[in-house]
Amino acid sequence: MTEGRRARWQVGQEDDQSVLRLSGDWRLDALDEALRSEELRSLAVDRVRLDDVDAADSATLALLLDWQERALQRKRPLVLTGLGPGLRELVHLYGLEALLTEAPGEKDEGDRGH
């Protein structure tokens, strides 16, 4: 198991959209503290940036799907950027391509070693 930084997040604004930036280790074993945050659990964001995520697993994917559901309730798509090869593979494995939207051009930029 790769050791990463703790799960961290920051909410901001970009181009009139609320953006959630994730960094560190977002695997199940590292999520306990992050998921205790009421702010994180109740976020309604337009975009999630995953560029600085060191490690992710199906728990990360479940969290993204929860945020996607909230976005759909607001009739706004949740856009993902920086989706690493591991998460992209999980999305494909579970057949969730139609539910999770990557920003245009993201799939073509090549995989980074996360």
Protein backbone atom coordinates (compact mmCIF):
# COMPACT_ATOMS: atom_id res chain seq x y z
CA MET A 1 0.00 0.00 0.00
CA THR A 2 1.40 3.39 -1.01
CA GLU A 3 1.66 5.88 1.80
CA GLY A 4 0.27 9.28 0.88
CA ARG A 5 -0.53 12.51 2.56
CA ARG A 6 -3.73 12.78 4.61
CA ALA A 7 -6.94 13.46 2.75
CA ARG A 8 -7.28 17.22 2.39
CA TRP A 9 -9.74 19.45 0.61
CA GLN A 10 -10.24 23.10 -0.21
CA VAL A 11 -13.33 24.80 -1.63
CA GLY A 12 -12.97 27.80 -3.91
CA GLN A 13 -14.36 29.55 -6.97
CA GLU A 14 -13.19 29.30 -10.59
CA ASP A 15 -15.05 30.84 -13.51
CA ASP A 16 -18.25 31.33 -11.49
CA GLN A 17 -18.22 27.68 -10.39
CA SER A 18 -17.68 26.26 -6.93
CA VAL A 19 -14.63 24.02 -7.07
CA LEU A 20 -13.50 21.36 -4.63
CA ARG A 21 -9.76 20.59 -4.74
CA LEU A 22 -8.77 17.23 -3.28
CA SER A 23 -5.23 16.26 -2.33
CA GLY A 24 -3.49 13.46 -0.49
CA ASP A 25 -4.72 9.94 0.22
CA TRP A 26 -8.46 9.43 -0.45
CA ARG A 27 -8.58 5.66 0.05
CA LEU A 28 -10.98 4.10 2.55
CA ASP A 29 -8.37 3.69 5.29
CA ALA A 30 -7.46 7.38 5.13
CA LEU A 31 -10.98 8.83 4.83
CA ASP A 32 -12.17 8.47 8.42
CA GLU A 33 -11.22 11.98 9.53
CA ALA A 34 -12.32 13.62 6.29
CA LEU A 35 -15.74 11.97 6.36
CA ARG A 36 -16.38 13.21 9.89
CA SER A 37 -16.49 16.73 8.48
CA GLU A 38 -20.08 17.91 8.07
CA GLU A 39 -18.82 20.51 5.58
CA LEU A 40 -17.32 17.85 3.32
CA ARG A 41 -20.34 15.54 3.50
CA SER A 42 -22.78 18.34 2.66
CA LEU A 43 -20.85 20.04 -0.13
CA ALA A 44 -22.64 21.08 -3.30
CA VAL A 45 -19.94 21.83 -5.87
CA ASP A 46 -19.80 22.15 -9.67
CA ARG A 47 -16.29 20.82 -10.21
CA VAL A 48 -13.92 18.47 -8.39
CA ARG A 49 -10.19 18.75 -9.08
CA LEU A 50 -8.31 15.52 -8.41
CA ASP A 51 -4.88 16.53 -9.77
CA ASP A 52 -3.18 16.30 -6.36
CA VAL A 53 -4.77 13.05 -5.16
CA ASP A 54 -1.97 10.61 -4.28
CA ALA A 55 -4.15 7.52 -3.83
CA ALA A 56 -7.79 6.63 -4.44
CA ASP A 57 -10.03 3.56 -4.39
CA SER A 58 -13.68 2.56 -4.59
CA ALA A 59 -14.43 4.63 -1.45
CA THR A 60 -13.25 7.70 -3.34
CA LEU A 61 -15.47 6.73 -6.25
CA ALA A 62 -18.46 6.36 -3.90
CA LEU A 63 -17.83 9.86 -2.56
CA LEU A 64 -17.65 11.27 -6.10
CA LEU A 65 -20.94 9.54 -6.94
CA ASP A 66 -22.55 11.10 -3.85
CA TRP A 67 -21.42 14.58 -4.94
CA GLN A 68 -22.64 13.79 -8.47
CA GLU A 69 -26.09 12.92 -7.10
CA ARG A 70 -26.23 16.25 -5.25
CA ALA A 71 -25.21 18.10 -8.41
CA LEU A 72 -27.94 16.35 -10.40
CA GLN A 73 -30.50 17.33 -7.76
CA ARG A 74 -29.44 20.94 -8.42
CA LYS A 75 -29.74 20.24 -12.17
CA ARG A 76 -26.04 20.91 -12.69
CA PRO A 77 -23.50 18.34 -13.85
CA LEU A 78 -20.51 17.63 -11.63
CA VAL A 79 -17.34 17.97 -13.70
CA LEU A 80 -14.18 16.09 -12.72
CA THR A 81 -10.67 17.17 -13.63
CA GLY A 82 -7.40 15.36 -13.03
CA LEU A 83 -8.99 11.92 -12.75
CA GLY A 84 -6.00 9.58 -12.42
CA PRO A 85 -5.65 6.25 -14.20
CA GLY A 86 -6.68 4.21 -11.15
CA LEU A 87 -9.97 6.03 -10.67
CA ARG A 88 -10.59 6.11 -14.41
CA GLU A 89 -10.15 2.32 -14.43
CA LEU A 90 -12.64 1.92 -11.56
CA VAL A 91 -15.17 4.12 -13.36
CA HIS A 92 -14.84 1.88 -16.41
CA LEU A 93 -14.90 -1.36 -14.36
CA TYR A 94 -18.16 -0.37 -12.65
CA GLY A 95 -19.67 0.99 -15.90
CA LEU A 96 -20.09 4.50 -14.50
CA GLU A 97 -18.82 6.51 -17.47
CA ALA A 98 -22.28 7.98 -18.07
CA LEU A 99 -22.58 9.14 -14.45
CA LEU A 100 -19.20 10.79 -13.92
CA THR A 101 -18.27 13.56 -16.34
CA GLU A 102 -14.64 14.42 -17.01
CA ALA A 103 -13.84 17.89 -18.30
CA PRO A 104 -13.34 17.96 -22.10
CA GLY A 105 -9.80 16.96 -23.05
CA GLU A 106 -9.05 15.30 -19.71
CA LYS A 107 -9.09 11.75 -21.11
CA ASP A 108 -6.64 12.67 -23.86
CA GLU A 109 -3.96 14.29 -21.70
CA GLY A 110 -2.30 11.00 -20.79
CA ASP A 111 -2.06 9.27 -17.48
CA ARG A 112 0.01 10.63 -14.67
CA GLY A 113 1.62 8.25 -12.20
CA HIS A 114 -0.72 8.41 -9.19
